[in-house]
Full PDB file with SEQRES, HELIX, SHEET, SSBOND, CRYST1, ORIGX, SCALE, CONECT and MASTER records, all heavy atoms in Angstrom:
SEQRES   1 A   31  VAL LEU ILE GLY MET HIS LEU TRP SER LYS GLY LYS LYS          
SEQRES   2 A   31  LEU VAL ILE THR GLU GLY GLU ILE ASP MET LEU SER TYR          
SEQRES   3 A   31  GLY GLU VAL THR GLY                                          
HELIX    1 AA1 MET A    5  LEU A    7  5                                   3    
HELIX    2 AA2 GLU A   20  VAL A   29  1                                  10    
CRYST1    1.000    1.000    1.000  90.00  90.00  90.00 P 1           1          
ORIGX1      1.000000  0.000000  0.000000        0.00000                         
ORIGX2      0.000000  1.000000  0.000000        0.00000                         
ORIGX3      0.000000  0.000000  1.000000        0.00000                         
SCALE1      1.000000  0.000000  0.000000        0.00000                         
SCALE2      0.000000  1.000000  0.000000        0.00000                         
SCALE3      0.000000  0.000000  1.000000        0.00000                         
ATOM      1  N   VAL A   1     -20.888  -2.362  -8.528  1.00  0.00           N  
ATOM      2  CA  VAL A   1     -19.663  -1.561  -8.437  1.00  0.00           C  
ATOM      3  C   VAL A   1     -18.330  -2.508  -8.315  1.00  0.00           C  
ATOM      4  O   VAL A   1     -18.430  -3.361  -7.530  1.00  0.00           O  
ATOM      5  CB  VAL A   1     -19.680  -0.585  -7.301  1.00  0.00           C  
ATOM      6  CG1 VAL A   1     -18.389   0.171  -7.267  1.00  0.00           C  
ATOM      7  CG2 VAL A   1     -20.871   0.430  -7.546  1.00  0.00           C  
ATOM      8  N   LEU A   2     -17.361  -2.344  -9.291  1.00  0.00           N  
ATOM      9  CA  LEU A   2     -16.153  -3.087  -8.995  1.00  0.00           C  
ATOM     10  C   LEU A   2     -15.211  -2.177  -8.350  1.00  0.00           C  
ATOM     11  O   LEU A   2     -15.075  -1.008  -8.463  1.00  0.00           O  
ATOM     12  CB  LEU A   2     -15.624  -3.471 -10.407  1.00  0.00           C  
ATOM     13  CG  LEU A   2     -16.342  -4.388 -11.253  1.00  0.00           C  
ATOM     14  CD1 LEU A   2     -15.758  -4.495 -12.703  1.00  0.00           C  
ATOM     15  CD2 LEU A   2     -16.439  -5.773 -10.561  1.00  0.00           C  
ATOM     16  N   ILE A   3     -14.544  -2.712  -7.411  1.00  0.00           N  
ATOM     17  CA  ILE A   3     -13.649  -1.896  -6.488  1.00  0.00           C  
ATOM     18  C   ILE A   3     -12.464  -1.562  -7.386  1.00  0.00           C  
ATOM     19  O   ILE A   3     -11.782  -2.371  -7.955  1.00  0.00           O  
ATOM     20  CB  ILE A   3     -13.256  -2.646  -5.202  1.00  0.00           C  
ATOM     21  CG1 ILE A   3     -14.603  -2.824  -4.331  1.00  0.00           C  
ATOM     22  CG2 ILE A   3     -12.086  -1.937  -4.431  1.00  0.00           C  
ATOM     23  CD1 ILE A   3     -14.403  -3.699  -3.055  1.00  0.00           C  
ATOM     24  N   GLY A   4     -12.053  -0.304  -7.374  1.00  0.00           N  
ATOM     25  CA  GLY A   4     -11.008   0.284  -8.063  1.00  0.00           C  
ATOM     26  C   GLY A   4     -11.453   0.750  -9.531  1.00  0.00           C  
ATOM     27  O   GLY A   4     -10.446   1.248 -10.209  1.00  0.00           O  
ATOM     28  N   MET A   5     -12.604   0.543  -9.893  1.00  0.00           N  
ATOM     29  CA  MET A   5     -12.919   0.977 -11.317  1.00  0.00           C  
ATOM     30  C   MET A   5     -12.844   2.406 -11.523  1.00  0.00           C  
ATOM     31  O   MET A   5     -12.653   2.959 -12.559  1.00  0.00           O  
ATOM     32  CB  MET A   5     -14.370   0.455 -11.626  1.00  0.00           C  
ATOM     33  CG  MET A   5     -15.453   1.157 -11.032  1.00  0.00           C  
ATOM     34  SD  MET A   5     -17.019   0.322 -11.520  1.00  0.00           S  
ATOM     35  CE  MET A   5     -18.120   1.573 -10.904  1.00  0.00           C  
ATOM     36  N   HIS A   6     -13.010   3.272 -10.548  1.00  0.00           N  
ATOM     37  CA  HIS A   6     -12.798   4.676 -10.597  1.00  0.00           C  
ATOM     38  C   HIS A   6     -11.402   5.259 -10.970  1.00  0.00           C  
ATOM     39  O   HIS A   6     -11.188   6.325 -11.398  1.00  0.00           O  
ATOM     40  CB  HIS A   6     -13.419   5.418  -9.293  1.00  0.00           C  
ATOM     41  CG  HIS A   6     -12.474   5.090  -8.235  1.00  0.00           C  
ATOM     42  ND1 HIS A   6     -12.530   3.913  -7.454  1.00  0.00           N  
ATOM     43  CD2 HIS A   6     -11.611   6.000  -7.545  1.00  0.00           C  
ATOM     44  CE1 HIS A   6     -11.663   4.072  -6.482  1.00  0.00           C  
ATOM     45  NE2 HIS A   6     -11.067   5.196  -6.538  1.00  0.00           N  
ATOM     46  N   LEU A   7     -10.360   4.285 -10.857  1.00  0.00           N  
ATOM     47  CA  LEU A   7      -9.117   4.579 -11.128  1.00  0.00           C  
ATOM     48  C   LEU A   7      -8.611   4.578 -12.501  1.00  0.00           C  
ATOM     49  O   LEU A   7      -7.483   4.910 -12.947  1.00  0.00           O  
ATOM     50  CB  LEU A   7      -8.198   3.715 -10.175  1.00  0.00           C  
ATOM     51  CG  LEU A   7      -8.360   3.785  -8.748  1.00  0.00           C  
ATOM     52  CD1 LEU A   7      -7.649   2.689  -8.002  1.00  0.00           C  
ATOM     53  CD2 LEU A   7      -7.967   5.173  -8.204  1.00  0.00           C  
ATOM     54  N   TRP A   8      -9.496   3.924 -13.357  1.00  0.00           N  
ATOM     55  CA  TRP A   8      -9.185   3.580 -14.715  1.00  0.00           C  
ATOM     56  C   TRP A   8     -10.233   4.156 -15.620  1.00  0.00           C  
ATOM     57  O   TRP A   8     -11.356   4.140 -15.320  1.00  0.00           O  
ATOM     58  CB  TRP A   8      -9.135   2.144 -14.905  1.00  0.00           C  
ATOM     59  CG  TRP A   8      -8.128   1.420 -13.930  1.00  0.00           C  
ATOM     60  CD1 TRP A   8      -8.534   0.735 -12.863  1.00  0.00           C  
ATOM     61  CD2 TRP A   8      -6.753   1.372 -13.956  1.00  0.00           C  
ATOM     62  NE1 TRP A   8      -7.461   0.248 -12.142  1.00  0.00           N  
ATOM     63  CE2 TRP A   8      -6.377   0.580 -12.900  1.00  0.00           C  
ATOM     64  CE3 TRP A   8      -5.732   1.815 -14.954  1.00  0.00           C  
ATOM     65  CZ2 TRP A   8      -4.927   0.390 -12.647  1.00  0.00           C  
ATOM     66  CZ3 TRP A   8      -4.454   1.467 -14.617  1.00  0.00           C  
ATOM     67  CH2 TRP A   8      -4.106   0.773 -13.478  1.00  0.00           C  
ATOM     68  N   SER A   9      -9.721   4.666 -16.775  1.00  0.00           N  
ATOM     69  CA  SER A   9     -10.664   5.238 -17.767  1.00  0.00           C  
ATOM     70  C   SER A   9     -10.808   4.480 -19.101  1.00  0.00           C  
ATOM     71  O   SER A   9     -11.872   4.386 -19.699  1.00  0.00           O  
ATOM     72  CB  SER A   9     -10.202   6.729 -18.208  1.00  0.00           C  
ATOM     73  OG  SER A   9      -8.910   6.640 -18.726  1.00  0.00           O  
ATOM     74  N   LYS A  10      -9.677   3.787 -19.473  1.00  0.00           N  
ATOM     75  CA  LYS A  10      -9.821   2.980 -20.690  1.00  0.00           C  
ATOM     76  C   LYS A  10      -8.625   2.046 -20.804  1.00  0.00           C  
ATOM     77  O   LYS A  10      -7.630   1.967 -20.012  1.00  0.00           O  
ATOM     78  CB  LYS A  10      -9.842   3.830 -21.899  1.00  0.00           C  
ATOM     79  CG  LYS A  10      -8.554   4.752 -22.035  1.00  0.00           C  
ATOM     80  CD  LYS A  10      -8.662   5.705 -23.124  1.00  0.00           C  
ATOM     81  CE  LYS A  10      -7.496   6.513 -23.248  1.00  0.00           C  
ATOM     82  NZ  LYS A  10      -7.500   7.439 -24.408  1.00  0.00           N  
ATOM     83  N   GLY A  11      -8.715   1.116 -21.705  1.00  0.00           N  
ATOM     84  CA  GLY A  11      -7.701   0.170 -21.917  1.00  0.00           C  
ATOM     85  C   GLY A  11      -8.217  -1.001 -22.769  1.00  0.00           C  
ATOM     86  O   GLY A  11      -9.401  -1.191 -22.897  1.00  0.00           O  
ATOM     87  N   LYS A  12      -7.261  -1.779 -23.335  1.00  0.00           N  
ATOM     88  CA  LYS A  12      -7.595  -2.914 -24.097  1.00  0.00           C  
ATOM     89  C   LYS A  12      -7.839  -4.203 -23.322  1.00  0.00           C  
ATOM     90  O   LYS A  12      -8.290  -5.189 -23.827  1.00  0.00           O  
ATOM     91  CB  LYS A  12      -6.497  -3.116 -25.225  1.00  0.00           C  
ATOM     92  CG  LYS A  12      -6.451  -2.106 -26.221  1.00  0.00           C  
ATOM     93  CD  LYS A  12      -5.292  -2.331 -27.256  1.00  0.00           C  
ATOM     94  CE  LYS A  12      -5.262  -1.129 -28.300  1.00  0.00           C  
ATOM     95  NZ  LYS A  12      -4.273  -1.393 -29.234  1.00  0.00           N  
ATOM     96  N   LYS A  13      -7.271  -4.178 -22.209  1.00  0.00           N  
ATOM     97  CA  LYS A  13      -7.300  -5.313 -21.264  1.00  0.00           C  
ATOM     98  C   LYS A  13      -7.882  -4.902 -19.922  1.00  0.00           C  
ATOM     99  O   LYS A  13      -7.544  -3.797 -19.410  1.00  0.00           O  
ATOM    100  CB  LYS A  13      -5.945  -5.944 -21.115  1.00  0.00           C  
ATOM    101  CG  LYS A  13      -5.762  -7.068 -20.365  1.00  0.00           C  
ATOM    102  CD  LYS A  13      -4.257  -7.586 -20.391  1.00  0.00           C  
ATOM    103  CE  LYS A  13      -4.051  -8.759 -19.416  1.00  0.00           C  
ATOM    104  NZ  LYS A  13      -2.593  -9.110 -19.581  1.00  0.00           N  
ATOM    105  N   LEU A  14      -8.549  -5.789 -19.338  1.00  0.00           N  
ATOM    106  CA  LEU A  14      -9.065  -5.495 -17.891  1.00  0.00           C  
ATOM    107  C   LEU A  14      -8.956  -6.734 -17.174  1.00  0.00           C  
ATOM    108  O   LEU A  14      -9.303  -7.940 -17.420  1.00  0.00           O  
ATOM    109  CB  LEU A  14     -10.600  -5.186 -17.898  1.00  0.00           C  
ATOM    110  CG  LEU A  14     -11.278  -4.972 -16.581  1.00  0.00           C  
ATOM    111  CD1 LEU A  14     -10.600  -3.760 -15.667  1.00  0.00           C  
ATOM    112  CD2 LEU A  14     -12.756  -4.880 -16.652  1.00  0.00           C  
ATOM    113  N   VAL A  15      -8.234  -6.658 -15.995  1.00  0.00           N  
ATOM    114  CA  VAL A  15      -7.957  -7.697 -15.073  1.00  0.00           C  
ATOM    115  C   VAL A  15      -8.939  -7.639 -13.901  1.00  0.00           C  
ATOM    116  O   VAL A  15      -8.953  -6.679 -13.263  1.00  0.00           O  
ATOM    117  CB  VAL A  15      -6.574  -7.736 -14.569  1.00  0.00           C  
ATOM    118  CG1 VAL A  15      -6.288  -8.888 -13.568  1.00  0.00           C  
ATOM    119  CG2 VAL A  15      -5.545  -7.790 -15.697  1.00  0.00           C  
ATOM    120  N   ILE A  16      -9.767  -8.720 -13.660  1.00  0.00           N  
ATOM    121  CA  ILE A  16     -10.583  -8.773 -12.490  1.00  0.00           C  
ATOM    122  C   ILE A  16     -10.194  -9.764 -11.565  1.00  0.00           C  
ATOM    123  O   ILE A  16      -9.937 -10.909 -11.794  1.00  0.00           O  
ATOM    124  CB  ILE A  16     -12.129  -9.023 -12.974  1.00  0.00           C  
ATOM    125  CG1 ILE A  16     -12.496  -8.086 -14.065  1.00  0.00           C  
ATOM    126  CG2 ILE A  16     -13.088  -9.260 -11.849  1.00  0.00           C  
ATOM    127  CD1 ILE A  16     -13.828  -8.344 -14.680  1.00  0.00           C  
ATOM    128  N   THR A  17     -10.050  -9.365 -10.344  1.00  0.00           N  
ATOM    129  CA  THR A  17      -9.489 -10.321  -9.285  1.00  0.00           C  
ATOM    130  C   THR A  17     -10.625 -10.472  -8.234  1.00  0.00           C  
ATOM    131  O   THR A  17     -11.569  -9.802  -8.189  1.00  0.00           O  
ATOM    132  CB  THR A  17      -8.264  -9.637  -8.501  1.00  0.00           C  
ATOM    133  OG1 THR A  17      -8.701  -8.472  -7.847  1.00  0.00           O  
ATOM    134  CG2 THR A  17      -7.143  -9.348  -9.474  1.00  0.00           C  
ATOM    135  N   GLU A  18     -10.396 -11.619  -7.481  1.00  0.00           N  
ATOM    136  CA  GLU A  18     -11.435 -11.965  -6.453  1.00  0.00           C  
ATOM    137  C   GLU A  18     -11.498 -10.942  -5.204  1.00  0.00           C  
ATOM    138  O   GLU A  18     -12.443 -10.722  -4.638  1.00  0.00           O  
ATOM    139  CB  GLU A  18     -11.119 -13.399  -6.052  1.00  0.00           C  
ATOM    140  CG  GLU A  18     -12.250 -13.768  -5.132  1.00  0.00           C  
ATOM    141  CD  GLU A  18     -12.024 -15.303  -4.586  1.00  0.00           C  
ATOM    142  OE1 GLU A  18     -11.125 -16.002  -5.164  1.00  0.00           O  
ATOM    143  OE2 GLU A  18     -12.777 -15.702  -3.793  1.00  0.00           O  
ATOM    144  N   GLY A  19     -10.252 -10.508  -4.894  1.00  0.00           N  
ATOM    145  CA  GLY A  19     -10.219  -9.626  -3.661  1.00  0.00           C  
ATOM    146  C   GLY A  19      -9.247  -8.434  -3.816  1.00  0.00           C  
ATOM    147  O   GLY A  19      -8.525  -8.314  -4.768  1.00  0.00           O  
ATOM    148  N   GLU A  20      -9.434  -7.491  -2.923  1.00  0.00           N  
ATOM    149  CA  GLU A  20      -8.687  -6.244  -2.883  1.00  0.00           C  
ATOM    150  C   GLU A  20      -7.136  -6.431  -2.814  1.00  0.00           C  
ATOM    151  O   GLU A  20      -6.381  -5.741  -3.456  1.00  0.00           O  
ATOM    152  CB  GLU A  20      -9.122  -5.259  -1.822  1.00  0.00           C  
ATOM    153  CG  GLU A  20     -10.609  -4.892  -1.872  1.00  0.00           C  
ATOM    154  CD  GLU A  20     -11.540  -5.947  -1.345  1.00  0.00           C  
ATOM    155  OE1 GLU A  20     -11.094  -6.651  -0.515  1.00  0.00           O  
ATOM    156  OE2 GLU A  20     -12.731  -5.888  -1.782  1.00  0.00           O  
ATOM    157  N   ILE A  21      -6.755  -7.323  -2.083  1.00  0.00           N  
ATOM    158  CA  ILE A  21      -5.280  -7.611  -1.902  1.00  0.00           C  
ATOM    159  C   ILE A  21      -4.765  -8.251  -3.236  1.00  0.00           C  
ATOM    160  O   ILE A  21      -3.718  -7.835  -3.632  1.00  0.00           O  
ATOM    161  CB  ILE A  21      -4.993  -8.571  -0.669  1.00  0.00           C  
ATOM    162  CG1 ILE A  21      -5.407  -7.732   0.558  1.00  0.00           C  
ATOM    163  CG2 ILE A  21      -3.552  -8.960  -0.707  1.00  0.00           C  
ATOM    164  CD1 ILE A  21      -5.113  -8.588   1.858  1.00  0.00           C  
ATOM    165  N   ASP A  22      -5.521  -9.099  -3.829  1.00  0.00           N  
ATOM    166  CA  ASP A  22      -5.043  -9.616  -5.176  1.00  0.00           C  
ATOM    167  C   ASP A  22      -5.031  -8.460  -6.250  1.00  0.00           C  
ATOM    168  O   ASP A  22      -4.101  -8.372  -6.918  1.00  0.00           O  
ATOM    169  CB  ASP A  22      -6.031 -10.648  -5.651  1.00  0.00           C  
ATOM    170  CG  ASP A  22      -6.415 -11.847  -4.662  1.00  0.00           C  
ATOM    171  OD1 ASP A  22      -5.341 -12.109  -4.111  1.00  0.00           O  
ATOM    172  OD2 ASP A  22      -7.371 -12.432  -4.671  1.00  0.00           O  
ATOM    173  N   MET A  23      -5.984  -7.575  -6.151  1.00  0.00           N  
ATOM    174  CA  MET A  23      -5.965  -6.371  -6.971  1.00  0.00           C  
ATOM    175  C   MET A  23      -4.678  -5.631  -6.872  1.00  0.00           C  
ATOM    176  O   MET A  23      -3.916  -5.159  -7.855  1.00  0.00           O  
ATOM    177  CB  MET A  23      -7.153  -5.574  -6.759  1.00  0.00           C  
ATOM    178  CG  MET A  23      -7.277  -4.245  -7.594  1.00  0.00           C  
ATOM    179  SD  MET A  23      -8.588  -3.229  -7.203  1.00  0.00           S  
ATOM    180  CE  MET A  23      -8.170  -2.551  -5.621  1.00  0.00           C  
ATOM    181  N   LEU A  24      -4.378  -5.176  -5.635  1.00  0.00           N  
ATOM    182  CA  LEU A  24      -3.125  -4.394  -5.234  1.00  0.00           C  
ATOM    183  C   LEU A  24      -1.895  -5.164  -5.585  1.00  0.00           C  
ATOM    184  O   LEU A  24      -1.029  -4.574  -6.114  1.00  0.00           O  
ATOM    185  CB  LEU A  24      -3.184  -4.094  -3.878  1.00  0.00           C  
ATOM    186  CG  LEU A  24      -4.296  -3.112  -3.355  1.00  0.00           C  
ATOM    187  CD1 LEU A  24      -4.310  -3.019  -1.844  1.00  0.00           C  
ATOM    188  CD2 LEU A  24      -4.260  -1.779  -4.009  1.00  0.00           C  
ATOM    189  N   SER A  25      -1.850  -6.533  -5.445  1.00  0.00           N  
ATOM    190  CA  SER A  25      -0.671  -7.318  -5.695  1.00  0.00           C  
ATOM    191  C   SER A  25      -0.433  -7.329  -7.250  1.00  0.00           C  
ATOM    192  O   SER A  25       0.699  -7.173  -7.665  1.00  0.00           O  
ATOM    193  CB  SER A  25      -0.833  -8.648  -5.212  1.00  0.00           C  
ATOM    194  OG  SER A  25      -0.948  -8.683  -3.727  1.00  0.00           O  
ATOM    195  N   TYR A  26      -1.489  -7.639  -7.997  1.00  0.00           N  
ATOM    196  CA  TYR A  26      -1.319  -7.546  -9.417  1.00  0.00           C  
ATOM    197  C   TYR A  26      -0.871  -6.231  -9.988  1.00  0.00           C  
ATOM    198  O   TYR A  26       0.059  -6.019 -10.787  1.00  0.00           O  
ATOM    199  CB  TYR A  26      -2.701  -8.025  -9.985  1.00  0.00           C  
ATOM    200  CG  TYR A  26      -2.503  -8.091 -11.584  1.00  0.00           C  
ATOM    201  CD1 TYR A  26      -2.140  -9.244 -12.126  1.00  0.00           C  
ATOM    202  CD2 TYR A  26      -2.718  -6.994 -12.451  1.00  0.00           C  
ATOM    203  CE1 TYR A  26      -1.937  -9.330 -13.536  1.00  0.00           C  
ATOM    204  CE2 TYR A  26      -2.633  -7.007 -13.796  1.00  0.00           C  
ATOM    205  CZ  TYR A  26      -2.150  -8.248 -14.392  1.00  0.00           C  
ATOM    206  OH  TYR A  26      -2.059  -8.328 -15.692  1.00  0.00           O  
ATOM    207  N   GLY A  27      -1.444  -5.153  -9.374  1.00  0.00           N  
ATOM    208  CA  GLY A  27      -1.036  -3.817  -9.848  1.00  0.00           C  
ATOM    209  C   GLY A  27       0.423  -3.499  -9.569  1.00  0.00           C  
ATOM    210  O   GLY A  27       1.189  -3.017 -10.422  1.00  0.00           O  
ATOM    211  N   GLU A  28       0.851  -4.016  -8.423  1.00  0.00           N  
ATOM    212  CA  GLU A  28       2.288  -3.826  -8.126  1.00  0.00           C  
ATOM    213  C   GLU A  28       3.242  -4.703  -8.861  1.00  0.00           C  
ATOM    214  O   GLU A  28       4.182  -4.161  -9.368  1.00  0.00           O  
ATOM    215  CB  GLU A  28       2.513  -4.156  -6.590  1.00  0.00           C  
ATOM    216  CG  GLU A  28       3.895  -3.776  -6.095  1.00  0.00           C  
ATOM    217  CD  GLU A  28       4.027  -3.979  -4.559  1.00  0.00           C  
ATOM    218  OE1 GLU A  28       3.168  -3.823  -3.800  1.00  0.00           O  
ATOM    219  OE2 GLU A  28       5.264  -4.209  -4.185  1.00  0.00           O  
ATOM    220  N   VAL A  29       2.814  -5.834  -9.173  1.00  0.00           N  
ATOM    221  CA  VAL A  29       3.792  -6.695  -9.941  1.00  0.00           C  
ATOM    222  C   VAL A  29       3.905  -6.302 -11.445  1.00  0.00           C  
ATOM    223  O   VAL A  29       5.023  -6.291 -11.982  1.00  0.00           O  
ATOM    224  CB  VAL A  29       3.199  -8.192  -9.948  1.00  0.00           C  
ATOM    225  CG1 VAL A  29       3.915  -9.136 -10.913  1.00  0.00           C  
ATOM    226  CG2 VAL A  29       3.387  -8.746  -8.542  1.00  0.00           C  
ATOM    227  N   THR A  30       2.853  -5.684 -11.975  1.00  0.00           N  
ATOM    228  CA  THR A  30       2.842  -5.375 -13.393  1.00  0.00           C  
ATOM    229  C   THR A  30       3.147  -3.830 -13.527  1.00  0.00           C  
ATOM    230  O   THR A  30       3.083  -3.337 -14.669  1.00  0.00           O  
ATOM    231  CB  THR A  30       1.404  -5.583 -14.070  1.00  0.00           C  
ATOM    232  OG1 THR A  30       0.470  -4.847 -13.361  1.00  0.00           O  
ATOM    233  CG2 THR A  30       1.142  -7.145 -14.012  1.00  0.00           C  
ATOM    234  N   GLY A  31       3.376  -3.130 -12.479  1.00  0.00           N  
ATOM    235  CA  GLY A  31       3.575  -1.696 -12.542  1.00  0.00           C  
ATOM    236  C   GLY A  31       2.382  -0.993 -13.059  1.00  0.00           C  
ATOM    237  O   GLY A  31       2.473   0.065 -13.690  1.00  0.00           O  
TER     238      GLY A  31                                                      
MASTER        0    0    0    2    0    0    0    6  237    1    0    3          
END                                                                             
């Protein structure tokens, strides 16, 4: 299980981060 995978259904690009804070930070920076 990837943390946060339930929030997304499709896309051409997938960003995988090492930790949850990295995931949240990337999401915030890219909108």
